Amino acid sequence: MEAFADAGVTEETQLELDFFYMSGGSDADEELDDYLTGQTDYDVQACASRQYGVTGSTQPTKVSVQVLDEWVAWMVRAGYEHGRCKFDGWGAAVP
């Protein structure tokens, strides 16, 4: 969060988080895509022809260190339990 703070982002700033999963193969990627689409309001895309099998972005939301820690843990678990896809990270554009 230090990088965010340096850029003027606070816990009141809404950010759209982009996320990436390594491909687990087309069936695994589709399983994870279906799960995330059904459980969230994220924009999700399975794209097994590229390095990342599933990518997407959240809706704009306020974030804190605690929120990010919980979200990352949930995303890792979702990938593991629904397609065995490895969560490879996230990013956000600073407004």
PDB file of N, CA and C in Angstrom:
ATOM      1  N   MET A   1       0.819  -1.197   0.000  1.00  0.00           N
ATOM      2  CA  MET A   1       0.000   0.000   0.000  1.00  0.00           C
ATOM      3  C   MET A   1       0.861   1.257   0.000  1.00  0.00           C
ATOM      4  N   GLU A   2       2.140   1.108   0.311  1.00  0.00           N
ATOM      5  CA  GLU A   2       3.007   2.276   0.321  1.00  0.00           C
ATOM      6  C   GLU A   2       3.064   2.934  -1.063  1.00  0.00           C
ATOM      7  N   ALA A   3       3.121   2.108  -2.119  1.00  0.00           N
ATOM      8  CA  ALA A   3       3.148   2.666  -3.474  1.00  0.00           C
ATOM      9  C   ALA A   3       1.856   3.408  -3.764  1.00  0.00           C
ATOM     10  N   PHE A   4       0.733   2.871  -3.289  1.00  0.00           N
ATOM     11  CA  PHE A   4      -0.544   3.562  -3.476  1.00  0.00           C
ATOM     12  C   PHE A   4      -0.536   4.890  -2.726  1.00  0.00           C
ATOM     13  N   ALA A   5      -0.077   4.875  -1.505  1.00  0.00           N
ATOM     14  CA  ALA A   5      -0.047   6.101  -0.705  1.00  0.00           C
ATOM     15  C   ALA A   5       0.833   7.154  -1.375  1.00  0.00           C
ATOM     16  N   ASP A   6       1.959   6.721  -1.923  1.00  0.00           N
ATOM     17  CA  ASP A   6       2.845   7.651  -2.628  1.00  0.00           C
ATOM     18  C   ASP A   6       2.152   8.267  -3.844  1.00  0.00           C
ATOM     19  N   ALA A   7       1.181   7.538  -4.416  1.00  0.00           N
ATOM     20  CA  ALA A   7       0.452   8.029  -5.588  1.00  0.00           C
ATOM     21  C   ALA A   7      -0.815   8.782  -5.194  1.00  0.00           C
ATOM     22  N   GLY A   8      -1.038   8.965  -3.891  1.00  0.00           N
ATOM     23  CA  GLY A   8      -2.200   9.713  -3.436  1.00  0.00           C
ATOM     24  C   GLY A   8      -3.456   8.887  -3.234  1.00  0.00           C
ATOM     25  N   VAL A   9      -3.332   7.556  -3.278  1.00  0.00           N
ATOM     26  CA  VAL A   9      -4.478   6.674  -3.067  1.00  0.00           C
ATOM     27  C   VAL A   9      -4.694   6.501  -1.567  1.00  0.00           C
ATOM     28  N   THR A  10      -5.937   6.651  -1.134  1.00  0.00           N
ATOM     29  CA  THR A  10      -6.304   6.430   0.269  1.00  0.00           C
ATOM     30  C   THR A  10      -7.300   5.284   0.337  1.00  0.00           C
ATOM     31  N   GLU A  11      -7.729   4.941   1.551  1.00  0.00           N
ATOM     32  CA  GLU A  11      -8.734   3.889   1.707  1.00  0.00           C
ATOM     33  C   GLU A  11     -10.098   4.327   1.201  1.00  0.00           C
ATOM     34  N   GLU A  12     -10.248   5.578   0.849  1.00  0.00           N
ATOM     35  CA  GLU A  12     -11.503   6.083   0.280  1.00  0.00           C
ATOM     36  C   GLU A  12     -11.489   6.087  -1.253  1.00  0.00           C
ATOM     37  N   THR A  13     -10.310   5.878  -1.841  1.00  0.00           N
ATOM     38  CA  THR A  13     -10.180   5.867  -3.298  1.00  0.00           C
ATOM     39  C   THR A  13     -10.733   4.563  -3.848  1.00  0.00           C
ATOM     40  N   GLN A  14     -11.548   4.650  -4.881  1.00  0.00           N
ATOM     41  CA  GLN A  14     -12.064   3.442  -5.518  1.00  0.00           C
ATOM     42  C   GLN A  14     -11.122   3.027  -6.640  1.00  0.00           C
ATOM     43  N   LEU A  15     -10.741   1.746  -6.614  1.00  0.00           N
ATOM     44  CA  LEU A  15      -9.844   1.193  -7.623  1.00  0.00           C
ATOM     45  C   LEU A  15     -10.487   0.000  -8.307  1.00  0.00           C
ATOM     46  N   GLU A  16     -10.222  -0.136  -9.582  1.00  0.00           N
ATOM     47  CA  GLU A  16     -10.600  -1.332 -10.335  1.00  0.00           C
ATOM     48  C   GLU A  16      -9.361  -2.220 -10.342  1.00  0.00           C
ATOM     49  N   LEU A  17      -9.479  -3.421  -9.786  1.00  0.00           N
ATOM     50  CA  LEU A  17      -8.350  -4.338  -9.692  1.00  0.00           C
ATOM     51  C   LEU A  17      -8.366  -5.307 -10.864  1.00  0.00           C
ATOM     52  N   ASP A  18      -7.271  -5.381 -11.599  1.00  0.00           N
ATOM     53  CA  ASP A  18      -7.114  -6.357 -12.670  1.00  0.00           C
ATOM     54  C   ASP A  18      -6.449  -7.587 -12.077  1.00  0.00           C
ATOM     55  N   PHE A  19      -6.851  -8.783 -12.539  1.00  0.00           N
ATOM     56  CA  PHE A  19      -6.273 -10.006 -11.999  1.00  0.00           C
ATOM     57  C   PHE A  19      -5.927 -10.983 -13.109  1.00  0.00           C
ATOM     58  N   PHE A  20      -5.012 -11.907 -12.770  1.00  0.00           N
ATOM     59  CA  PHE A  20      -4.459 -12.826 -13.757  1.00  0.00           C
ATOM     60  C   PHE A  20      -4.269 -14.211 -13.140  1.00  0.00           C
ATOM     61  N   TYR A  21      -4.660 -15.237 -13.883  1.00  0.00           N
ATOM     62  CA  TYR A  21      -4.418 -16.625 -13.503  1.00  0.00           C
ATOM     63  C   TYR A  21      -3.635 -17.298 -14.621  1.00  0.00           C
ATOM     64  N   MET A  22      -2.652 -18.105 -14.248  1.00  0.00           N
ATOM     65  CA  MET A  22      -1.948 -18.915 -15.231  1.00  0.00           C
ATOM     66  C   MET A  22      -2.931 -19.940 -15.787  1.00  0.00           C
ATOM     67  N   SER A  23      -2.779 -20.287 -17.036  1.00  0.00           N
ATOM     68  CA  SER A  23      -3.685 -21.252 -17.654  1.00  0.00           C
ATOM     69  C   SER A  23      -3.498 -22.638 -17.048  1.00  0.00           C
ATOM     70  N   GLY A  24      -4.616 -23.266 -16.737  1.00  0.00           N
ATOM     71  CA  GLY A  24      -4.616 -24.651 -16.280  1.00  0.00           C
ATOM     72  C   GLY A  24      -5.093 -25.577 -17.384  1.00  0.00           C
ATOM     73  N   GLY A  25      -5.197 -25.055 -18.604  1.00  0.00           N
ATOM     74  CA  GLY A  25      -5.774 -25.792 -19.733  1.00  0.00           C
ATOM     75  C   GLY A  25      -7.171 -25.262 -19.988  1.00  0.00           C
ATOM     76  N   SER A  26      -7.678 -25.469 -21.168  1.00  0.00           N
ATOM     77  CA  SER A  26      -8.943 -24.840 -21.552  1.00  0.00           C
ATOM     78  C   SER A  26     -10.112 -25.238 -20.653  1.00  0.00           C
ATOM     79  N   ASP A  27     -10.213 -26.517 -20.268  1.00  0.00           N
ATOM     80  CA  ASP A  27     -11.320 -26.933 -19.393  1.00  0.00           C
ATOM     81  C   ASP A  27     -11.214 -26.283 -18.015  1.00  0.00           C
ATOM     82  N   ALA A  28     -10.006 -26.243 -17.465  1.00  0.00           N
ATOM     83  CA  ALA A  28      -9.788 -25.627 -16.151  1.00  0.00           C
ATOM     84  C   ALA A  28     -10.076 -24.133 -16.204  1.00  0.00           C
ATOM     85  N   ASP A  29      -9.630 -23.497 -17.265  1.00  0.00           N
ATOM     86  CA  ASP A  29      -9.860 -22.056 -17.410  1.00  0.00           C
ATOM     87  C   ASP A  29     -11.346 -21.752 -17.502  1.00  0.00           C
ATOM     88  N   GLU A  30     -12.068 -22.556 -18.245  1.00  0.00           N
ATOM     89  CA  GLU A  30     -13.521 -22.364 -18.367  1.00  0.00           C
ATOM     90  C   GLU A  30     -14.227 -22.592 -17.032  1.00  0.00           C
ATOM     91  N   GLU A  31     -13.762 -23.592 -16.269  1.00  0.00           N
ATOM     92  CA  GLU A  31     -14.360 -23.857 -14.950  1.00  0.00           C
ATOM     93  C   GLU A  31     -14.186 -22.649 -14.032  1.00  0.00           C
ATOM     94  N   LEU A  32     -12.986 -22.095 -14.008  1.00  0.00           N
ATOM     95  CA  LEU A  32     -12.732 -20.935 -13.156  1.00  0.00           C
ATOM     96  C   LEU A  32     -13.512 -19.721 -13.652  1.00  0.00           C
ATOM     97  N   ASP A  33     -13.544 -19.514 -14.946  1.00  0.00           N
ATOM     98  CA  ASP A  33     -14.319 -18.409 -15.535  1.00  0.00           C
ATOM     99  C   ASP A  33     -15.771 -18.508 -15.093  1.00  0.00           C
ATOM    100  N   ASP A  34     -16.357 -19.707 -15.226  1.00  0.00           N
ATOM    101  CA  ASP A  34     -17.760 -19.908 -14.837  1.00  0.00           C
ATOM    102  C   ASP A  34     -17.968 -19.621 -13.353  1.00  0.00           C
ATOM    103  N   TYR A  35     -17.039 -20.081 -12.517  1.00  0.00           N
ATOM    104  CA  TYR A  35     -17.169 -19.861 -11.078  1.00  0.00           C
ATOM    105  C   TYR A  35     -17.104 -18.372 -10.737  1.00  0.00           C
ATOM    106  N   LEU A  36     -16.087 -17.687 -11.234  1.00  0.00           N
ATOM    107  CA  LEU A  36     -15.942 -16.269 -10.921  1.00  0.00           C
ATOM    108  C   LEU A  36     -17.116 -15.453 -11.451  1.00  0.00           C
ATOM    109  N   THR A  37     -17.571 -15.788 -12.634  1.00  0.00           N
ATOM    110  CA  THR A  37     -18.713 -15.087 -13.218  1.00  0.00           C
ATOM    111  C   THR A  37     -19.968 -15.299 -12.383  1.00  0.00           C
ATOM    112  N   GLY A  38     -20.146 -16.511 -11.870  1.00  0.00           N
ATOM    113  CA  GLY A  38     -21.322 -16.828 -11.069  1.00  0.00           C
ATOM    114  C   GLY A  38     -21.285 -16.272  -9.659  1.00  0.00           C
ATOM    115  N   GLN A  39     -20.093 -16.081  -9.116  1.00  0.00           N
ATOM    116  CA  GLN A  39     -19.953 -15.666  -7.718  1.00  0.00           C
ATOM    117  C   GLN A  39     -19.694 -14.178  -7.526  1.00  0.00           C
ATOM    118  N   THR A  40     -19.326 -13.492  -8.594  1.00  0.00           N
ATOM    119  CA  THR A  40     -18.920 -12.092  -8.465  1.00  0.00           C
ATOM    120  C   THR A  40     -19.567 -11.250  -9.560  1.00  0.00           C
ATOM    121  N   ASP A  41     -19.320  -9.949  -9.494  1.00  0.00           N
ATOM    122  CA  ASP A  41     -19.745  -9.051 -10.565  1.00  0.00           C
ATOM    123  C   ASP A  41     -18.538  -8.612 -11.391  1.00  0.00           C
ATOM    124  N   TYR A  42     -17.471  -9.438 -11.382  1.00  0.00           N
ATOM    125  CA  TYR A  42     -16.248  -9.125 -12.104  1.00  0.00           C
ATOM    126  C   TYR A  42     -16.444  -9.331 -13.599  1.00  0.00           C
ATOM    127  N   ASP A  43     -15.669  -8.600 -14.385  1.00  0.00           N
ATOM    128  CA  ASP A  43     -15.559  -8.857 -15.819  1.00  0.00           C
ATOM    129  C   ASP A  43     -14.478  -9.917 -15.956  1.00  0.00           C
ATOM    130  N   VAL A  44     -14.852 -11.110 -16.430  1.00  0.00           N
ATOM    131  CA  VAL A  44     -13.936 -12.252 -16.472  1.00  0.00           C
ATOM    132  C   VAL A  44     -13.844 -12.765 -17.901  1.00  0.00           C
ATOM    133  N   GLN A  45     -12.639 -13.181 -18.291  1.00  0.00           N
ATOM    134  CA  GLN A  45     -12.458 -13.744 -19.620  1.00  0.00           C
ATOM    135  C   GLN A  45     -11.483 -14.906 -19.558  1.00  0.00           C
ATOM    136  N   ALA A  46     -11.925 -16.068 -20.033  1.00  0.00           N
ATOM    137  CA  ALA A  46     -11.018 -17.200 -20.207  1.00  0.00           C
ATOM    138  C   ALA A  46     -10.350 -17.016 -21.562  1.00  0.00           C
ATOM    139  N   CYS A  47      -9.045 -17.134 -21.584  1.00  0.00           N
ATOM    140  CA  CYS A  47      -8.302 -16.915 -22.825  1.00  0.00           C
ATOM    141  C   CYS A  47      -7.140 -17.893 -22.883  1.00  0.00           C
ATOM    142  N   ALA A  48      -7.451 -19.177 -22.990  1.00  0.00           N
ATOM    143  CA  ALA A  48      -6.455 -20.241 -22.887  1.00  0.00           C
ATOM    144  C   ALA A  48      -5.392 -20.206 -23.982  1.00  0.00           C
ATOM    145  N   SER A  49      -5.586 -19.408 -25.005  1.00  0.00           N
ATOM    146  CA  SER A  49      -4.587 -19.365 -26.073  1.00  0.00           C
ATOM    147  C   SER A  49      -3.382 -18.506 -25.695  1.00  0.00           C
ATOM    148  N   ARG A  50      -3.445 -17.840 -24.557  1.00  0.00           N
ATOM    149  CA  ARG A  50      -2.352 -16.978 -24.108  1.00  0.00           C
ATOM    150  C   ARG A  50      -1.752 -17.528 -22.825  1.00  0.00           C
ATOM    151  N   GLN A  51      -0.703 -16.877 -22.342  1.00  0.00           N
ATOM    152  CA  GLN A  51      -0.048 -17.312 -21.108  1.00  0.00           C
ATOM    153  C   GLN A  51      -1.033 -17.328 -19.951  1.00  0.00           C
ATOM    154  N   TYR A  52      -1.843 -16.286 -19.866  1.00  0.00           N
ATOM    155  CA  TYR A  52      -2.817 -16.222 -18.780  1.00  0.00           C
ATOM    156  C   TYR A  52      -4.105 -16.860 -19.239  1.00  0.00           C
ATOM    157  N   GLY A  53      -4.567 -17.838 -18.485  1.00  0.00           N
ATOM    158  CA  GLY A  53      -5.768 -18.557 -18.869  1.00  0.00           C
ATOM    159  C   GLY A  53      -7.028 -17.817 -18.516  1.00  0.00           C
ATOM    160  N   VAL A  54      -7.010 -17.084 -17.423  1.00  0.00           N
ATOM    161  CA  VAL A  54      -8.186 -16.326 -17.000  1.00  0.00           C
ATOM    162  C   VAL A  54      -7.699 -14.952 -16.550  1.00  0.00           C
ATOM    163  N   THR A  55      -8.333 -13.932 -17.064  1.00  0.00           N
ATOM    164  CA  THR A  55      -8.029 -12.568 -16.661  1.00  0.00           C
ATOM    165  C   THR A  55      -9.331 -11.858 -16.371  1.00  0.00           C
ATOM    166  N   GLY A  56      -9.234 -10.719 -15.753  1.00  0.00           N
ATOM    167  CA  GLY A  56     -10.440  -9.950 -15.512  1.00  0.00           C
ATOM    168  C   GLY A  56     -10.186  -8.737 -14.664  1.00  0.00           C
ATOM    169  N   SER A  57     -11.273  -8.110 -14.292  1.00  0.00           N
ATOM    170  CA  SER A  57     -11.180  -6.933 -13.435  1.00  0.00           C
ATOM    171  C   SER A  57     -12.412  -6.846 -12.550  1.00  0.00           C
ATOM    172  N   THR A  58     -12.205  -6.277 -11.386  1.00  0.00           N
ATOM    173  CA  THR A  58     -13.300  -6.063 -10.446  1.00  0.00           C
ATOM    174  C   THR A  58     -14.043  -4.789 -10.832  1.00  0.00           C
ATOM    175  N   GLN A  59     -15.142  -4.570 -10.190  1.00  0.00           N
ATOM    176  CA  GLN A  59     -15.802  -3.277 -10.273  1.00  0.00           C
ATOM    177  C   GLN A  59     -15.004  -2.318  -9.382  1.00  0.00           C
ATOM    178  N   PRO A  60     -15.075  -1.032  -9.609  1.00  0.00           N
ATOM    179  CA  PRO A  60     -14.363  -0.100  -8.733  1.00  0.00           C
ATOM    180  C   PRO A  60     -14.794  -0.293  -7.275  1.00  0.00           C
ATOM    181  N   THR A  61     -13.818  -0.353  -6.384  1.00  0.00           N
ATOM    182  CA  THR A  61     -14.090  -0.592  -4.976  1.00  0.00           C
ATOM    183  C   THR A  61     -13.027   0.062  -4.109  1.00  0.00           C
ATOM    184  N   LYS A  62     -13.382   0.386  -2.892  1.00  0.00           N
ATOM    185  CA  LYS A  62     -12.416   0.908  -1.929  1.00  0.00           C
ATOM    186  C   LYS A  62     -11.571  -0.253  -1.421  1.00  0.00           C
ATOM    187  N   VAL A  63     -10.278  -0.013  -1.241  1.00  0.00           N
ATOM    188  CA  VAL A  63      -9.396  -1.079  -0.776  1.00  0.00           C
ATOM    189  C   VAL A  63      -8.565  -0.607   0.410  1.00  0.00           C
ATOM    190  N   SER A  64      -8.207  -1.577   1.226  1.00  0.00           N
ATOM    191  CA  SER A  64      -7.287  -1.366   2.347  1.00  0.00           C
ATOM    192  C   SER A  64      -6.353  -2.569   2.348  1.00  0.00           C
ATOM    193  N   VAL A  65      -5.341  -2.533   3.180  1.00  0.00           N
ATOM    194  CA  VAL A  65      -4.432  -3.671   3.273  1.00  0.00           C
ATOM    195  C   VAL A  65      -5.216  -4.925   3.657  1.00  0.00           C
ATOM    196  N   GLN A  66      -6.103  -4.810   4.643  1.00  0.00           N
ATOM    197  CA  GLN A  66      -6.887  -5.968   5.084  1.00  0.00           C
ATOM    198  C   GLN A  66      -7.788  -6.488   3.966  1.00  0.00           C
ATOM    199  N   VAL A  67      -8.470  -5.588   3.276  1.00  0.00           N
ATOM    200  CA  VAL A  67      -9.353  -5.994   2.174  1.00  0.00           C
ATOM    201  C   VAL A  67      -8.546  -6.696   1.085  1.00  0.00           C
ATOM    202  N   LEU A  68      -7.396  -6.139   0.720  1.00  0.00           N
ATOM    203  CA  LEU A  68      -6.567  -6.764  -0.315  1.00  0.00           C
ATOM    204  C   LEU A  68      -6.062  -8.133   0.126  1.00  0.00           C
ATOM    205  N   ASP A  69      -5.637  -8.261   1.371  1.00  0.00           N
ATOM    206  CA  ASP A  69      -5.175  -9.561   1.866  1.00  0.00           C
ATOM    207  C   ASP A  69      -6.280 -10.605   1.790  1.00  0.00           C
ATOM    208  N   GLU A  70      -7.480 -10.240   2.210  1.00  0.00           N
ATOM    209  CA  GLU A  70      -8.605 -11.178   2.174  1.00  0.00           C
ATOM    210  C   GLU A  70      -8.995 -11.509   0.742  1.00  0.00           C
ATOM    211  N   TRP A  71      -8.997 -10.513  -0.131  1.00  0.00           N
ATOM    212  CA  TRP A  71      -9.370 -10.735  -1.525  1.00  0.00           C
ATOM    213  C   TRP A  71      -8.368 -11.659  -2.217  1.00  0.00           C
ATOM    214  N   VAL A  72      -7.071 -11.407  -2.008  1.00  0.00           N
ATOM    215  CA  VAL A  72      -6.055 -12.254  -2.632  1.00  0.00           C
ATOM    216  C   VAL A  72      -6.196 -13.692  -2.135  1.00  0.00           C
ATOM    217  N   ALA A  73      -6.403 -13.890  -0.850  1.00  0.00           N
ATOM    218  CA  ALA A  73      -6.580 -15.246  -0.313  1.00  0.00           C
ATOM    219  C   ALA A  73      -7.788 -15.924  -0.962  1.00  0.00           C
ATOM    220  N   TRP A  74      -8.883 -15.169  -1.133  1.00  0.00           N
ATOM    221  CA  TRP A  74     -10.081 -15.732  -1.768  1.00  0.00           C
ATOM    222  C   TRP A  74      -9.811 -16.081  -3.235  1.00  0.00           C
ATOM    223  N   MET A  75      -9.094 -15.205  -3.937  1.00  0.00           N
ATOM    224  CA  MET A  75      -8.793 -15.451  -5.350  1.00  0.00           C
ATOM    225  C   MET A  75      -7.881 -16.672  -5.520  1.00  0.00           C
ATOM    226  N   VAL A  76      -6.889 -16.825  -4.639  1.00  0.00           N
ATOM    227  CA  VAL A  76      -6.007 -17.991  -4.691  1.00  0.00           C
ATOM    228  C   VAL A  76      -6.821 -19.259  -4.480  1.00  0.00           C
ATOM    229  N   ARG A  77      -7.680 -19.248  -3.462  1.00  0.00           N
ATOM    230  CA  ARG A  77      -8.508 -20.409  -3.149  1.00  0.00           C
ATOM    231  C   ARG A  77      -9.477 -20.722  -4.295  1.00  0.00           C
ATOM    232  N   ALA A  78     -10.090 -19.693  -4.877  1.00  0.00           N
ATOM    233  CA  ALA A  78     -11.022 -19.898  -5.990  1.00  0.00           C
ATOM    234  C   ALA A  78     -10.321 -20.572  -7.165  1.00  0.00           C
ATOM    235  N   GLY A  79      -9.131 -20.112  -7.490  1.00  0.00           N
ATOM    236  CA  GLY A  79      -8.389 -20.714  -8.594  1.00  0.00           C
ATOM    237  C   GLY A  79      -8.025 -22.158  -8.324  1.00  0.00           C
ATOM    238  N   TYR A  80      -7.621 -22.444  -7.096  1.00  0.00           N
ATOM    239  CA  TYR A  80      -7.238 -23.804  -6.730  1.00  0.00           C
ATOM    240  C   TYR A  80      -8.441 -24.743  -6.738  1.00  0.00           C
ATOM    241  N   GLU A  81      -9.539 -24.302  -6.171  1.00  0.00           N
ATOM    242  CA  GLU A  81     -10.710 -25.164  -6.030  1.00  0.00           C
ATOM    243  C   GLU A  81     -11.539 -25.280  -7.300  1.00  0.00           C
ATOM    244  N   HIS A  82     -11.363 -24.375  -8.232  1.00  0.00           N
ATOM    245  CA  HIS A  82     -12.199 -24.368  -9.438  1.00  0.00           C
ATOM    246  C   HIS A  82     -11.320 -24.312 -10.675  1.00  0.00           C
ATOM    247  N   GLY A  83     -10.664 -25.427 -10.941  1.00  0.00           N
ATOM    248  CA  GLY A  83      -9.860 -25.545 -12.137  1.00  0.00           C
ATOM    249  C   GLY A  83      -8.376 -25.704 -11.884  1.00  0.00           C
ATOM    250  N   ARG A  84      -7.965 -25.594 -10.626  1.00  0.00           N
ATOM    251  CA  ARG A  84      -6.537 -25.707 -10.291  1.00  0.00           C
ATOM    252  C   ARG A  84      -5.696 -24.693 -11.072  1.00  0.00           C
ATOM    253  N   CYS A  85      -6.239 -23.491 -11.251  1.00  0.00           N
ATOM    254  CA  CYS A  85      -5.519 -22.413 -11.921  1.00  0.00           C
ATOM    255  C   CYS A  85      -4.752 -21.606 -10.880  1.00  0.00           C
ATOM    256  N   LYS A  86      -3.514 -21.275 -11.190  1.00  0.00           N
ATOM    257  CA  LYS A  86      -2.652 -20.552 -10.254  1.00  0.00           C
ATOM    258  C   LYS A  86      -2.876 -19.049 -10.384  1.00  0.00           C
ATOM    259  N   PHE A  87      -3.248 -18.421  -9.267  1.00  0.00           N
ATOM    260  CA  PHE A  87      -3.390 -16.972  -9.235  1.00  0.00           C
ATOM    261  C   PHE A  87      -2.010 -16.363  -9.417  1.00  0.00           C
ATOM    262  N   ASP A  88      -1.870 -15.491 -10.419  1.00  0.00           N
ATOM    263  CA  ASP A  88      -0.558 -14.960 -10.749  1.00  0.00           C
ATOM    264  C   ASP A  88      -0.407 -13.487 -10.398  1.00  0.00           C
ATOM    265  N   GLY A  89      -1.444 -12.889  -9.830  1.00  0.00           N
ATOM    266  CA  GLY A  89      -1.278 -11.523  -9.375  1.00  0.00           C
ATOM    267  C   GLY A  89      -2.394 -10.593  -9.782  1.00  0.00           C
ATOM    268  N   TRP A  90      -2.186  -9.348  -9.399  1.00  0.00           N
ATOM    269  CA  TRP A  90      -3.175  -8.322  -9.650  1.00  0.00           C
ATOM    270  C   TRP A  90      -2.466  -6.991  -9.856  1.00  0.00           C
ATOM    271  N   GLY A  91      -3.203  -6.060 -10.391  1.00  0.00           N
ATOM    272  CA  GLY A  91      -2.679  -4.709 -10.586  1.00  0.00           C
ATOM    273  C   GLY A  91      -3.837  -3.733 -10.583  1.00  0.00           C
ATOM    274  N   ALA A  92      -3.513  -2.481 -10.512  1.00  0.00           N
ATOM    275  CA  ALA A  92      -4.551  -1.435 -10.530  1.00  0.00           C
ATOM    276  C   ALA A  92      -3.970  -0.175 -11.131  1.00  0.00           C
ATOM    277  N   ALA A  93      -4.765   0.480 -11.940  1.00  0.00           N
ATOM    278  CA  ALA A  93      -4.381   1.791 -12.463  1.00  0.00           C
ATOM    279  C   ALA A  93      -4.750   2.825 -11.418  1.00  0.00           C
ATOM    280  N   VAL A  94      -3.833   3.696 -11.116  1.00  0.00           N
ATOM    281  CA  VAL A  94      -4.081   4.736 -10.131  1.00  0.00           C
ATOM    282  C   VAL A  94      -4.744   5.917 -10.837  1.00  0.00           C
ATOM    283  N   PRO A  95      -5.914   6.361 -10.299  1.00  0.00           N
ATOM    284  CA  PRO A  95      -6.622   7.452 -10.963  1.00  0.00           C
ATOM    285  C   PRO A  95      -5.858   8.768 -10.909  1.00  0.00           C
TER     286      PRO A  95
END
